[in-house]
C-alpha cells in the first residue's frame, strides 16, 4: 500500500430531523482495498455520497490526492478521480455501452473548423479499457440488453475513462452469481495491483475477509474502529457493528415435526424443471440450495401459480390440489415471499399498514368498499410489534425503513394471509448481520406458531443453521437431500457442482 489518496476528517451530515453522519474519519491508500461495514442505516452510503458529491457535508474536511475538496455534484468527483459503483447501476438503459462510457466527457475533434464527437477515438480507448479488464462487451449494445455483471463492468470501464484512482463499490455482489462474484474479485484485485484505492461496502463479512486489507466500522452515524482485516475476527467486527456480542446467528428452536403436509411428485415443465420430487413435513423448516440458476426459485414460482402449471402431482395434507394461479395457492394456504422485495415484496412509496393489508383489502373494507381504517391500523400494529419493525406506527413510509425492516414488512404482508406454508426466497439478502439474526429468530418462532416454512438461500451457513432438511438442486432437478445432523457446506457444494451424485432421498 502506498500514500494516502483520500482522507476524511470529522465528516458531519444532517437531514431534517436526522443526524446521519456524526464525525466520521476514514483514510484510503493507493493499492489498498478498504472495506466499510455497519448495519443498515449506519451511514455507509451517505458517507460515500458525500465523497462523490451527491451530498455536501455540513462540517469536516475531505482531502483527495493531496487537495482539499468539496464536490458540488458527481461529475466534479469523476473529474478529480473518484468513481462510485452502486448496487443499482446509474447507466442509461436505452443508450449504447459506448455512449454511456463517455457521457458528459465525449472526445471531440474538428473537421473544417467544426467540432464534433470523435467516435473512432472513443472506440479505441473503450476497446483498450475492456482489454485491460480482460472482458469483451459489444460497444454498440444497449445497456438494457446486458446482464448485471456486464453492467458493472461498464461502470468500472466508465470510471477508467475518467482516469479514476479511487473506486467505491457499494454492495456490488448483491445481484451476482458466485461465478460472477469471483470474476469481479479478480478485476478488483487487478485494479488494486495497478495502484488504485478501492472502498468496498458490503454486508457479507466473508467477502470483507476475503478481499480487504483494512476495515472501518460505522455505527449509528459514528466512527467506531479501523482494523487490519487479518488482525481481527468476524465476532469482533459484529460486536463493533451492533454494539454488543452476537452470540447466536442462527437461533434455531427445536419444533415437533409432524406428518407430511406437502408432497410434490414427478413435477416437470417443458422448459427447465425435470422430475422434481420432494415433501414437506408439518412444523419443519425445509431448505433449498443450489447454484444460481439451478431452479430453486423456478420450482416455487411454478408451485405458487406465478408461471404456467407444470405437469405432475401436488398433494396438500394428503389430498391432490391443482394450483393454476397465485389466488389458488393463497386459498390453499401457500404464500410466497419473493427474493426481490423492492419489485415484488413491498411498495416503498406506500405506508406500512397499506403494504400489510394490500393482498386482502376485502377483509378491511366496509359497505361500498370504504376502508375500515381502525381495523387496518390494528392489523399493522400487531405485526409491527410481533416482527420488531422499527417504525413509530403503521403510517410510516416504507421507503424510509432500513433494508432489514423492509424485509420484515414483506414477511408481515405474507403472514397476514395466515399461511399454512410460507415460502421464503432469500429472506435475508441485503440486510445486515443484526437484522439477519432478528429475521432468523422470527422464522424460528413462526414454526412454534404452526407455520411450516420452505427457505431458499444462497448462504450455506444460513441453511445449515436454520433448516431441518435441505434439498440440493442442479440444472432443474433435485440432486439429493441432507438431514440436519449430516449436512456440511462441503457436501452441499459437491452435490450442487455435480462432482458427486446424491441419493435423492425424498
Protein backbone atom coordinates (compact mmCIF):
# COMPACT_ATOMS: atom_id res chain seq x y z
CA UNK A 1 0.00 0.00 0.00
CA UNK A 2 1.19 3.48 -0.87
CA UNK A 3 0.39 7.05 0.08
CA UNK A 4 -2.96 8.30 1.36
CA UNK A 5 -5.16 9.37 -1.57
CA UNK A 6 -8.41 10.01 0.32
CA UNK A 7 -8.64 11.50 3.81
CA UNK A 8 -11.93 12.22 5.59
CA UNK A 9 -11.86 14.02 8.94
CA UNK A 10 -14.83 14.71 11.24
CA UNK A 11 -17.46 14.49 8.47
CA UNK A 12 -20.90 15.63 9.69
CA UNK A 13 -24.10 15.47 7.63
CA UNK A 14 -27.66 16.18 8.78
CA UNK A 15 -31.02 15.80 7.11
CA UNK A 16 -34.28 17.22 8.53
CA UNK A 17 -34.64 15.58 11.93
CA UNK A 18 -31.77 13.13 11.39
CA UNK A 19 -28.05 13.35 12.17
CA UNK A 20 -26.85 10.90 9.51
CA UNK A 21 -23.08 11.32 9.98
CA UNK A 22 -21.58 12.42 13.26
CA UNK A 23 -17.83 12.97 12.99
CA UNK A 24 -16.67 10.22 10.61
CA UNK A 25 -12.96 9.65 9.92
CA UNK A 26 -11.64 7.49 7.07
CA UNK A 27 -8.44 7.26 5.04
CA UNK A 28 -7.68 5.28 1.89
CA UNK A 29 -4.24 4.46 0.49
CA UNK A 30 -3.24 3.72 -3.07
CA UNK A 31 -3.11 -0.01 -3.79
CA UNK A 32 -5.49 -0.76 -0.90
CA UNK A 33 -8.92 -2.33 -0.59
CA UNK A 34 -10.55 -0.64 2.39
CA UNK A 35 -13.87 -2.17 3.48
CA UNK A 36 -16.59 -0.13 5.21
CA UNK A 37 -19.24 -2.03 7.13
CA UNK A 38 -22.09 -1.38 9.52
CA UNK A 39 -25.78 -2.12 9.98
CA UNK A 40 -28.45 -0.81 7.63
CA UNK A 41 -28.86 2.88 8.37
CA UNK A 42 -25.39 3.20 9.91
CA UNK A 43 -24.41 5.88 7.38
CA UNK A 44 -22.16 3.98 4.94
CA UNK A 45 -23.91 5.01 1.73
CA UNK A 46 -24.49 8.56 2.98
CA UNK A 47 -20.76 8.90 3.63
CA UNK A 48 -19.92 7.70 0.14
CA UNK A 49 -22.45 10.09 -1.38
CA UNK A 50 -20.65 12.93 0.42
CA UNK A 51 -17.35 11.73 -1.05
CA UNK A 52 -18.88 11.63 -4.56
CA UNK A 53 -20.68 14.95 -4.44
CA UNK A 54 -24.24 13.65 -4.25
CA UNK A 55 -24.43 15.30 -0.79
CA UNK A 56 -22.28 18.03 0.70
CA UNK A 57 -21.01 17.71 4.27
CA UNK A 58 -22.19 20.23 6.89
CA UNK A 59 -18.82 20.03 8.61
CA UNK A 60 -15.45 18.35 8.21
CA UNK A 61 -12.67 18.12 5.66
CA UNK A 62 -12.08 15.89 2.63
CA UNK A 63 -8.65 15.69 1.01
CA UNK A 64 -8.42 13.96 -2.38
CA UNK A 65 -4.99 13.28 -3.86
CA UNK A 66 -3.49 15.94 -1.59
CA UNK A 67 -6.05 18.67 -2.34
CA UNK A 68 -8.93 19.75 -0.06
CA UNK A 69 -12.18 19.25 -1.97
CA UNK A 70 -15.94 19.74 -1.61
CA UNK A 71 -17.70 18.42 -4.69
CA UNK A 72 -20.98 20.01 -5.73
CA UNK A 73 -22.01 17.09 -7.94
CA UNK A 74 -20.80 13.64 -9.05
CA UNK A 75 -19.29 14.96 -12.28
CA UNK A 76 -16.84 17.09 -10.27
CA UNK A 77 -15.86 13.98 -8.32
CA UNK A 78 -15.40 11.99 -11.54
CA UNK A 79 -13.08 14.64 -12.94
CA UNK A 80 -10.96 14.53 -9.77
CA UNK A 81 -10.55 10.76 -9.98
CA UNK A 82 -13.38 9.39 -7.79
CA UNK A 83 -15.99 6.97 -9.11
CA UNK A 84 -18.76 5.10 -7.29
CA UNK A 85 -20.44 1.90 -8.46
CA UNK A 86 -23.80 1.45 -6.77
CA UNK A 87 -25.68 -1.82 -6.27
CA UNK A 88 -28.21 -0.47 -8.79
CA UNK A 89 -26.20 0.89 -11.71
CA UNK A 90 -26.58 4.51 -12.85
CA UNK A 91 -26.34 3.73 -16.56
CA UNK A 92 -28.87 4.85 -19.17
CA UNK A 93 -30.69 1.72 -20.34
CA UNK A 94 -31.66 2.96 -23.81
CA UNK A 95 -28.16 4.21 -24.69
CA UNK A 96 -25.28 2.12 -26.02
CA UNK A 97 -22.31 0.98 -23.99
CA UNK A 98 -20.04 3.41 -25.85
CA UNK A 99 -22.33 6.40 -25.27
CA UNK A 100 -22.60 5.57 -21.56
CA UNK A 101 -18.83 5.30 -21.16
CA UNK A 102 -18.15 8.84 -22.37
CA UNK A 103 -21.42 10.57 -21.45
CA UNK A 104 -20.64 14.12 -20.34
CA UNK A 105 -16.99 13.96 -21.39
CA UNK A 106 -17.15 12.88 -25.01
CA UNK A 107 -13.97 13.06 -27.11
CA UNK A 108 -14.21 15.60 -29.89
CA UNK A 109 -12.26 16.69 -32.94
CA UNK A 110 -12.58 19.41 -35.52
CA UNK A 111 -13.25 18.92 -39.21
CA UNK A 112 -13.12 22.06 -41.36
CA UNK A 113 -13.34 24.14 -38.18
CA UNK A 114 -16.48 22.34 -36.94
CA UNK A 115 -16.23 20.43 -33.65
CA UNK A 116 -17.92 17.02 -33.46
CA UNK A 117 -17.73 13.77 -31.46
CA UNK A 118 -14.73 11.58 -32.28
CA UNK A 119 -16.30 8.12 -32.14
CA UNK A 120 -13.16 6.48 -33.53
CA UNK A 121 -11.03 7.74 -30.63
CA UNK A 122 -13.72 6.75 -28.13
CA UNK A 123 -13.93 3.23 -29.56
CA UNK A 124 -10.18 2.81 -29.44
CA UNK A 125 -10.00 3.89 -25.80
CA UNK A 126 -13.03 1.77 -24.80
CA UNK A 127 -11.59 -1.30 -26.52
CA UNK A 128 -8.28 -0.81 -24.71
CA UNK A 129 -10.02 -0.41 -21.33
CA UNK A 130 -12.08 -3.59 -21.73
CA UNK A 131 -8.92 -5.40 -22.82
CA UNK A 132 -7.29 -4.22 -19.59
CA UNK A 133 -10.32 -5.56 -17.69
CA UNK A 134 -9.96 -8.88 -19.55
CA UNK A 135 -13.54 -8.78 -20.77
CA UNK A 136 -15.37 -8.28 -24.06
CA UNK A 137 -18.59 -6.27 -24.37
CA UNK A 138 -20.29 -5.10 -27.57
CA UNK A 139 -19.81 -1.32 -27.57
CA UNK A 140 -22.93 -0.88 -29.72
CA UNK A 141 -25.20 -2.93 -27.44
CA UNK A 142 -27.83 -1.10 -25.43
CA UNK A 143 -27.39 -1.29 -21.67
CA UNK A 144 -30.82 -2.88 -21.24
CA UNK A 145 -29.55 -5.92 -23.17
CA UNK A 146 -26.75 -6.60 -20.65
CA UNK A 147 -26.74 -8.70 -17.51
CA UNK A 148 -25.92 -7.24 -14.11
CA UNK A 149 -22.29 -8.43 -14.18
CA UNK A 150 -21.74 -6.81 -17.60
CA UNK A 151 -23.34 -3.58 -16.40
CA UNK A 152 -20.87 -3.47 -13.53
CA UNK A 153 -18.01 -3.95 -15.97
CA UNK A 154 -19.35 -0.97 -17.94
CA UNK A 155 -19.44 1.08 -14.72
CA UNK A 156 -15.82 0.16 -13.96
CA UNK A 157 -14.78 0.96 -17.54
CA UNK A 158 -16.60 4.30 -17.29
CA UNK A 159 -14.55 5.14 -14.20
CA UNK A 160 -11.37 4.34 -16.10
CA UNK A 161 -12.33 6.75 -18.90
CA UNK A 162 -12.01 9.47 -16.25
CA UNK A 163 -8.62 8.07 -15.16
CA UNK A 164 -10.08 7.43 -11.70
CA UNK A 165 -7.67 6.31 -9.00
CA UNK A 166 -10.39 5.87 -6.33
CA UNK A 167 -13.30 3.50 -6.97
CA UNK A 168 -16.10 2.91 -4.45
CA UNK A 169 -18.10 -0.34 -4.67
CA UNK A 170 -21.43 -0.20 -2.82
CA UNK A 171 -22.81 -3.74 -2.31
CA UNK A 172 -21.55 -4.85 -5.75
CA UNK A 173 -22.25 -8.58 -5.38
CA UNK A 174 -25.88 -8.46 -4.22
CA UNK A 175 -27.26 -9.43 -7.66
CA UNK A 176 -24.38 -11.57 -8.94
CA UNK A 177 -23.92 -15.32 -9.18
CA UNK A 178 -20.95 -16.92 -7.42
CA UNK A 179 -19.07 -17.21 -10.71
CA UNK A 180 -19.69 -13.52 -11.46
CA UNK A 181 -18.54 -12.60 -7.94
CA UNK A 182 -15.27 -14.46 -8.48
CA UNK A 183 -14.75 -12.65 -11.80
CA UNK A 184 -15.45 -9.28 -10.15
CA UNK A 185 -12.96 -10.02 -7.36
CA UNK A 186 -10.27 -10.74 -9.96
CA UNK A 187 -10.96 -7.37 -11.58
CA UNK A 188 -10.84 -5.58 -8.21
CA UNK A 189 -7.55 -7.30 -7.40
CA UNK A 190 -6.08 -6.15 -10.73
CA UNK A 191 -7.23 -2.59 -10.04
CA UNK A 192 -5.55 -2.78 -6.64
CA UNK A 193 -2.29 -4.04 -8.19
CA UNK A 194 -2.37 -1.11 -10.61
CA UNK A 195 -2.25 1.26 -7.64
CA UNK A 196 -5.90 2.21 -7.33
CA UNK A 197 -7.57 2.73 -3.97
CA UNK A 198 -10.76 0.69 -3.52
CA UNK A 199 -13.50 1.39 -0.97
CA UNK A 200 -15.64 -1.73 -0.61
CA UNK A 201 -19.03 -1.66 1.14
CA UNK A 202 -20.69 -5.00 1.87
CA UNK A 203 -22.95 -6.77 4.37
CA UNK A 204 -21.21 -10.03 3.55
CA UNK A 205 -18.45 -10.39 6.11
CA UNK A 206 -16.99 -13.37 4.26
CA UNK A 207 -16.27 -11.08 1.29
CA UNK A 208 -14.66 -8.46 3.52
CA UNK A 209 -12.28 -11.02 4.98
CA UNK A 210 -11.54 -12.43 1.52
CA UNK A 211 -10.51 -9.27 -0.31
CA UNK A 212 -9.93 -6.29 2.01
CA UNK A 213 -6.73 -5.01 3.63
CA UNK A 214 -8.38 -2.84 6.27
CA UNK A 215 -11.95 -2.47 7.51
CA UNK A 216 -13.69 0.52 9.07
CA UNK A 217 -16.89 0.10 11.11
CA UNK A 218 -19.59 2.78 11.32
CA UNK A 219 -22.45 2.57 13.82
CA UNK A 220 -25.38 4.99 14.09
CA UNK A 221 -23.55 7.57 12.00
CA UNK A 222 -20.44 7.46 14.20
CA UNK A 223 -16.93 6.21 13.53
CA UNK A 224 -16.24 3.11 15.65
CA UNK A 225 -12.99 1.47 14.53
CA UNK A 226 -10.48 0.76 11.77
CA UNK A 227 -8.59 -2.55 11.86
CA UNK A 228 -6.26 -4.60 9.69
CA UNK A 229 -8.53 -7.29 8.32
CA UNK A 230 -6.03 -10.06 9.03
CA UNK A 231 -5.79 -8.98 12.68
CA UNK A 232 -9.49 -9.05 13.51
CA UNK A 233 -12.29 -11.64 13.57
CA UNK A 234 -15.88 -11.87 12.45
CA UNK A 235 -17.10 -11.73 16.05
CA UNK A 236 -15.07 -8.58 16.76
CA UNK A 237 -16.46 -6.86 13.67
CA UNK A 238 -20.03 -7.82 14.53
CA UNK A 239 -19.57 -6.55 18.09
CA UNK A 240 -18.33 -3.22 16.71
CA UNK A 241 -21.23 -3.04 14.23
CA UNK A 242 -24.07 -3.74 16.65
CA UNK A 243 -22.53 -2.59 19.92
CA UNK A 244 -22.80 -6.00 21.55
CA UNK A 245 -21.68 -9.58 21.08
CA UNK A 246 -23.78 -11.60 18.64
CA UNK A 247 -23.72 -14.93 20.40
CA UNK A 248 -26.28 -16.66 18.20
CA UNK A 249 -26.51 -16.03 14.46
CA UNK A 250 -28.96 -18.86 13.83
CA UNK A 251 -31.37 -19.14 16.80
CA UNK A 252 -32.98 -22.38 15.65
CA UNK A 253 -35.74 -23.51 18.01
CA UNK A 254 -36.48 -27.21 18.07
CA UNK A 255 -40.05 -27.86 16.93
CA UNK A 256 -42.07 -31.03 16.91
CA UNK A 257 -42.08 -32.31 13.33
CA UNK A 258 -45.38 -33.78 12.18
CA UNK A 259 -46.63 -35.78 9.21
CA UNK A 260 -46.25 -34.87 5.56
CA UNK A 261 -48.00 -31.58 4.86
CA UNK A 262 -47.00 -31.09 1.23
CA UNK A 263 -45.76 -33.60 -1.33
CA UNK A 264 -44.68 -32.91 -4.90
CA UNK A 265 -44.37 -35.87 -7.28
CA UNK A 266 -42.83 -36.06 -10.77
CA UNK A 267 -43.13 -32.30 -11.26
CA UNK A 268 -41.80 -31.05 -14.58
CA UNK A 269 -42.38 -28.47 -17.28
CA UNK A 270 -41.48 -28.40 -20.96
CA UNK A 271 -38.63 -25.97 -20.42
CA UNK A 272 -36.45 -26.44 -17.38
CA UNK A 273 -37.85 -28.35 -14.41
CA UNK A 274 -37.18 -32.07 -14.61
CA UNK A 275 -38.92 -34.74 -12.48
CA UNK A 276 -39.00 -32.82 -9.19
CA UNK A 277 -39.88 -34.93 -6.14
CA UNK A 278 -39.89 -33.61 -2.58
CA UNK A 279 -42.00 -33.50 0.57
CA UNK A 280 -42.51 -31.08 3.45
CA UNK A 281 -43.46 -32.11 6.98
CA UNK A 282 -45.62 -30.01 9.27
CA UNK A 283 -43.61 -27.74 11.55
CA UNK A 284 -40.26 -28.08 9.80
CA UNK A 285 -38.03 -25.59 8.01
CA UNK A 286 -37.11 -27.13 4.67
CA UNK A 287 -34.16 -25.66 2.81
CA UNK A 288 -33.48 -25.47 -0.92
CA UNK A 289 -29.87 -24.99 -2.02
CA UNK A 290 -28.02 -24.96 -5.33
CA UNK A 291 -26.03 -22.69 -7.56
CA UNK A 292 -27.68 -19.64 -9.14
CA UNK A 293 -29.91 -20.82 -11.97
CA UNK A 294 -30.31 -24.31 -10.54
CA UNK A 295 -34.10 -23.97 -10.48
CA UNK A 296 -34.89 -23.28 -6.81
CA UNK A 297 -36.96 -20.14 -7.42
CA UNK A 298 -38.49 -21.60 -10.59
CA UNK A 299 -39.91 -24.58 -8.68
CA UNK A 300 -41.53 -22.38 -6.03
CA UNK A 301 -42.89 -19.83 -8.52
CA UNK A 302 -44.44 -22.66 -10.52
CA UNK A 303 -45.82 -24.27 -7.36
CA UNK A 304 -47.46 -20.96 -6.40
CA UNK A 305 -49.02 -20.39 -9.80
CA UNK A 306 -46.86 -17.50 -10.96
CA UNK A 307 -45.91 -19.44 -14.08
CA UNK A 308 -47.82 -21.96 -16.18
CA UNK A 309 -48.73 -25.03 -14.17
CA UNK A 310 -46.23 -27.83 -14.56
CA UNK A 311 -47.10 -31.48 -15.05
CA UNK A 312 -47.03 -33.81 -12.08
CA UNK A 313 -48.93 -34.01 -8.81
CA UNK A 314 -49.12 -31.79 -5.73
CA UNK A 315 -50.63 -33.11 -2.52
CA UNK A 316 -51.59 -30.96 0.47
CA UNK A 317 -52.47 -32.86 3.66
CA UNK A 318 -52.91 -35.99 1.59
CA UNK A 319 -55.29 -34.53 -0.99
CA UNK A 320 -54.26 -33.65 -4.53
CA UNK A 321 -54.61 -29.97 -5.38
CA UNK A 322 -54.44 -28.02 -8.62
CA UNK A 323 -52.84 -24.58 -8.48
CA UNK A 324 -53.41 -22.54 -11.63
CA UNK A 325 -52.60 -19.09 -10.22
CA UNK A 326 -51.44 -17.40 -7.03
CA UNK A 327 -55.01 -16.95 -5.85
CA UNK A 328 -55.36 -20.73 -5.79
CA UNK A 329 -52.10 -21.01 -3.84
CA UNK A 330 -53.19 -18.47 -1.22
CA UNK A 331 -56.56 -20.19 -0.88
CA UNK A 332 -54.71 -23.46 -0.21
CA UNK A 333 -52.58 -21.70 2.42
CA UNK A 334 -49.33 -21.44 0.42
CA UNK A 335 -47.80 -17.95 0.48
CA UNK A 336 -44.60 -16.81 -1.24
CA UNK A 337 -42.16 -14.03 -0.25
CA UNK A 338 -40.01 -13.03 -3.22
CA UNK A 339 -36.25 -12.55 -3.11
CA UNK A 340 -36.74 -9.17 -4.82
CA UNK A 341 -38.57 -7.24 -2.10
CA UNK A 342 -38.21 -3.93 -3.99
CA UNK A 343 -40.02 -5.29 -7.05
CA UNK A 344 -42.39 -7.93 -5.67
CA UNK A 345 -42.32 -7.66 -1.88
CA UNK A 346 -43.21 -4.12 -0.81
CA UNK A 347 -44.34 -0.86 -2.38
CA UNK A 348 -41.85 1.57 -0.90
CA UNK A 349 -43.93 4.67 -1.66
CA UNK A 350 -46.79 3.37 0.50
CA UNK A 351 -47.03 3.27 4.29
CA UNK A 352 -46.54 0.11 6.35
CA UNK A 353 -50.19 -0.65 7.08
CA UNK A 354 -51.17 -0.30 3.41
CA UNK A 355 -48.44 -2.75 2.43
CA UNK A 356 -49.51 -5.32 5.02
CA UNK A 357 -53.21 -5.22 4.13
CA UNK A 358 -52.86 -4.83 0.35
CA UNK A 359 -53.30 -8.56 -0.56
CA UNK A 360 -56.55 -8.80 1.44
CA UNK A 361 -58.34 -5.48 1.17
CA UNK A 362 -61.71 -7.25 1.31
CA UNK A 363 -61.06 -8.02 4.99
CA UNK A 364 -60.67 -4.34 5.81
CA UNK A 365 -63.47 -2.83 3.76
CA UNK A 366 -66.96 -1.85 4.88
CA UNK A 367 -70.05 -1.34 2.78
CA UNK A 368 -69.49 0.27 -0.61
CA UNK A 369 -65.78 -0.57 -0.42
CA UNK A 370 -64.94 2.05 2.22
CA UNK A 371 -61.77 1.07 4.12
CA UNK A 372 -62.02 0.28 7.83
CA UNK A 373 -59.03 2.42 8.82
CA UNK A 374 -59.02 1.48 12.54
CA UNK A 375 -59.02 -2.25 11.69
CA UNK A 376 -56.24 -1.74 9.16
CA UNK A 377 -54.17 0.16 11.73
CA UNK A 378 -54.76 -2.53 14.36
CA UNK A 379 -53.52 -5.24 11.98
CA UNK A 380 -50.42 -3.20 11.16
CA UNK A 381 -49.67 -2.54 14.84
CA UNK A 382 -49.87 -6.28 15.52
CA UNK A 383 -47.11 -7.09 13.03
CA UNK A 384 -45.02 -4.04 13.85
CA UNK A 385 -44.90 -5.42 17.39
CA UNK A 386 -44.53 -9.12 16.62
CA UNK A 387 -41.95 -8.62 13.88
CA UNK A 388 -40.00 -5.92 15.70
CA UNK A 389 -40.36 -3.43 12.81
CA UNK A 390 -38.51 -0.29 13.85
CA UNK A 391 -41.09 2.37 12.99
CA UNK A 392 -43.22 4.73 15.09
CA UNK A 393 -46.52 3.43 13.68
CA UNK A 394 -48.26 1.91 10.67
CA UNK A 395 -48.42 5.25 8.91
CA UNK A 396 -44.63 5.31 8.45
CA UNK A 397 -43.43 5.29 4.83
CA UNK A 398 -41.73 2.00 3.85
CA UNK A 399 -39.13 3.89 1.76
CA UNK A 400 -37.78 5.39 4.99
CA UNK A 401 -37.17 1.98 6.60
CA UNK A 402 -33.85 0.16 6.55
CA UNK A 403 -33.47 -2.90 4.31
CA UNK A 404 -33.96 -5.28 7.22
CA UNK A 405 -37.17 -3.58 8.31
CA UNK A 406 -38.47 -3.51 4.74
CA UNK A 407 -37.92 -7.26 4.66
CA UNK A 408 -39.92 -7.60 7.88
CA UNK A 409 -42.79 -5.69 6.26
CA UNK A 410 -42.63 -8.06 3.29
CA UNK A 411 -42.85 -11.08 5.61
CA UNK A 412 -45.63 -9.41 7.64
CA UNK A 413 -47.61 -8.94 4.44
CA UNK A 414 -47.38 -12.69 3.84
CA UNK A 415 -48.14 -13.67 7.44
CA UNK A 416 -51.29 -11.53 7.45
CA UNK A 417 -52.68 -14.08 4.96
CA UNK A 418 -52.44 -16.76 7.70
CA UNK A 419 -50.43 -19.28 5.63
CA UNK A 420 -50.01 -22.97 6.35
CA UNK A 421 -46.83 -22.94 4.27
CA UNK A 422 -44.62 -19.87 3.99
CA UNK A 423 -42.05 -19.89 1.17
CA UNK A 424 -39.15 -17.50 1.87
CA UNK A 425 -36.88 -16.83 -1.11
CA UNK A 426 -33.54 -15.37 0.07
CA UNK A 427 -35.13 -13.96 3.26
CA UNK A 428 -32.00 -12.13 4.49
CA UNK A 429 -30.50 -10.89 1.21
CA UNK A 430 -29.17 -7.35 1.51
CA UNK A 431 -29.70 -6.96 5.27
CA UNK A 432 -27.07 -6.50 7.96
CA UNK A 433 -25.97 -9.11 10.49
CA UNK A 434 -28.13 -7.78 13.32
CA UNK A 435 -31.26 -7.76 11.13
CA UNK A 436 -30.36 -11.26 9.88
CA UNK A 437 -30.28 -12.58 13.44
CA UNK A 438 -33.66 -10.94 14.13
CA UNK A 439 -35.20 -12.43 10.97
CA UNK A 440 -33.78 -15.87 11.80
CA UNK A 441 -35.35 -15.61 15.26
CA UNK A 442 -38.70 -14.67 13.74
CA UNK A 443 -38.52 -17.59 11.30
CA UNK A 444 -37.80 -19.99 14.13
CA UNK A 445 -40.67 -18.59 16.21
CA UNK A 446 -43.10 -18.95 13.32
CA UNK A 447 -42.73 -22.72 13.38
CA UNK A 448 -43.76 -22.61 17.05
CA UNK A 449 -46.96 -20.88 15.93
CA UNK A 450 -47.83 -23.60 13.42
CA UNK A 451 -46.33 -22.15 10.24
CA UNK A 452 -44.33 -24.57 8.08
CA UNK A 453 -41.52 -22.98 6.10
CA UNK A 454 -39.63 -23.55 2.87
CA UNK A 455 -36.45 -21.47 2.73
CA UNK A 456 -34.41 -20.79 -0.41
CA UNK A 457 -30.99 -19.33 0.31
CA UNK A 458 -27.62 -18.88 -1.36
CA UNK A 459 -25.97 -18.62 2.06
CA UNK A 460 -25.00 -22.13 3.10
CA UNK A 461 -24.38 -21.26 6.79
CA UNK A 462 -27.95 -19.87 6.92
CA UNK A 463 -29.45 -23.08 5.51
CA UNK A 464 -27.35 -25.33 7.73
CA UNK A 465 -28.08 -23.22 10.80
CA UNK A 466 -31.85 -22.93 10.29
CA UNK A 467 -33.16 -25.94 8.36
CA UNK A 468 -34.27 -29.40 9.44
CA UNK A 469 -33.62 -30.83 5.99
CA UNK A 470 -32.05 -29.44 2.81
CA UNK A 471 -32.69 -30.35 -0.83
CA UNK A 472 -29.92 -29.54 -3.32
CA UNK A 473 -30.88 -28.61 -6.88
CA UNK A 474 -28.78 -28.77 -10.01
CA UNK A 475 -29.84 -27.80 -13.54
CA UNK A 476 -33.59 -28.04 -12.94
CA UNK A 477 -33.61 -31.26 -10.96
CA UNK A 478 -33.14 -32.33 -7.36
CA UNK A 479 -29.67 -33.79 -6.99
CA UNK A 480 -30.21 -35.07 -3.45
CA UNK A 481 -31.02 -34.12 0.12
CA UNK A 482 -29.48 -33.99 3.59
CA UNK A 483 -30.81 -34.23 7.11
CA UNK A 484 -29.74 -31.56 9.59
CA UNK A 485 -27.39 -33.83 11.53
CA UNK A 486 -25.39 -34.92 8.45
CA UNK A 487 -25.14 -31.79 6.30
CA UNK A 488 -21.98 -29.71 5.76
CA UNK A 489 -21.14 -26.87 3.37
CA UNK A 490 -18.70 -29.14 1.56
CA UNK A 491 -21.33 -31.84 0.98
CA UNK A 492 -23.81 -29.30 -0.41
CA UNK A 493 -21.23 -27.79 -2.77
CA UNK A 494 -20.07 -31.18 -4.04
CA UNK A 495 -23.66 -32.12 -4.82
CA UNK A 496 -24.54 -28.73 -6.33
CA UNK A 497 -21.48 -28.82 -8.60
CA UNK A 498 -22.31 -32.32 -9.71
CA UNK A 499 -19.00 -33.87 -8.72
CA UNK A 500 -20.84 -36.40 -6.62
CA UNK A 501 -24.36 -37.78 -7.01
CA UNK A 502 -26.65 -37.64 -4.01
CA UNK A 503 -29.06 -40.37 -3.08
CA UNK A 504 -32.01 -38.02 -3.63
CA UNK A 505 -33.89 -39.00 -0.52
CA UNK A 506 -37.50 -37.83 -0.64
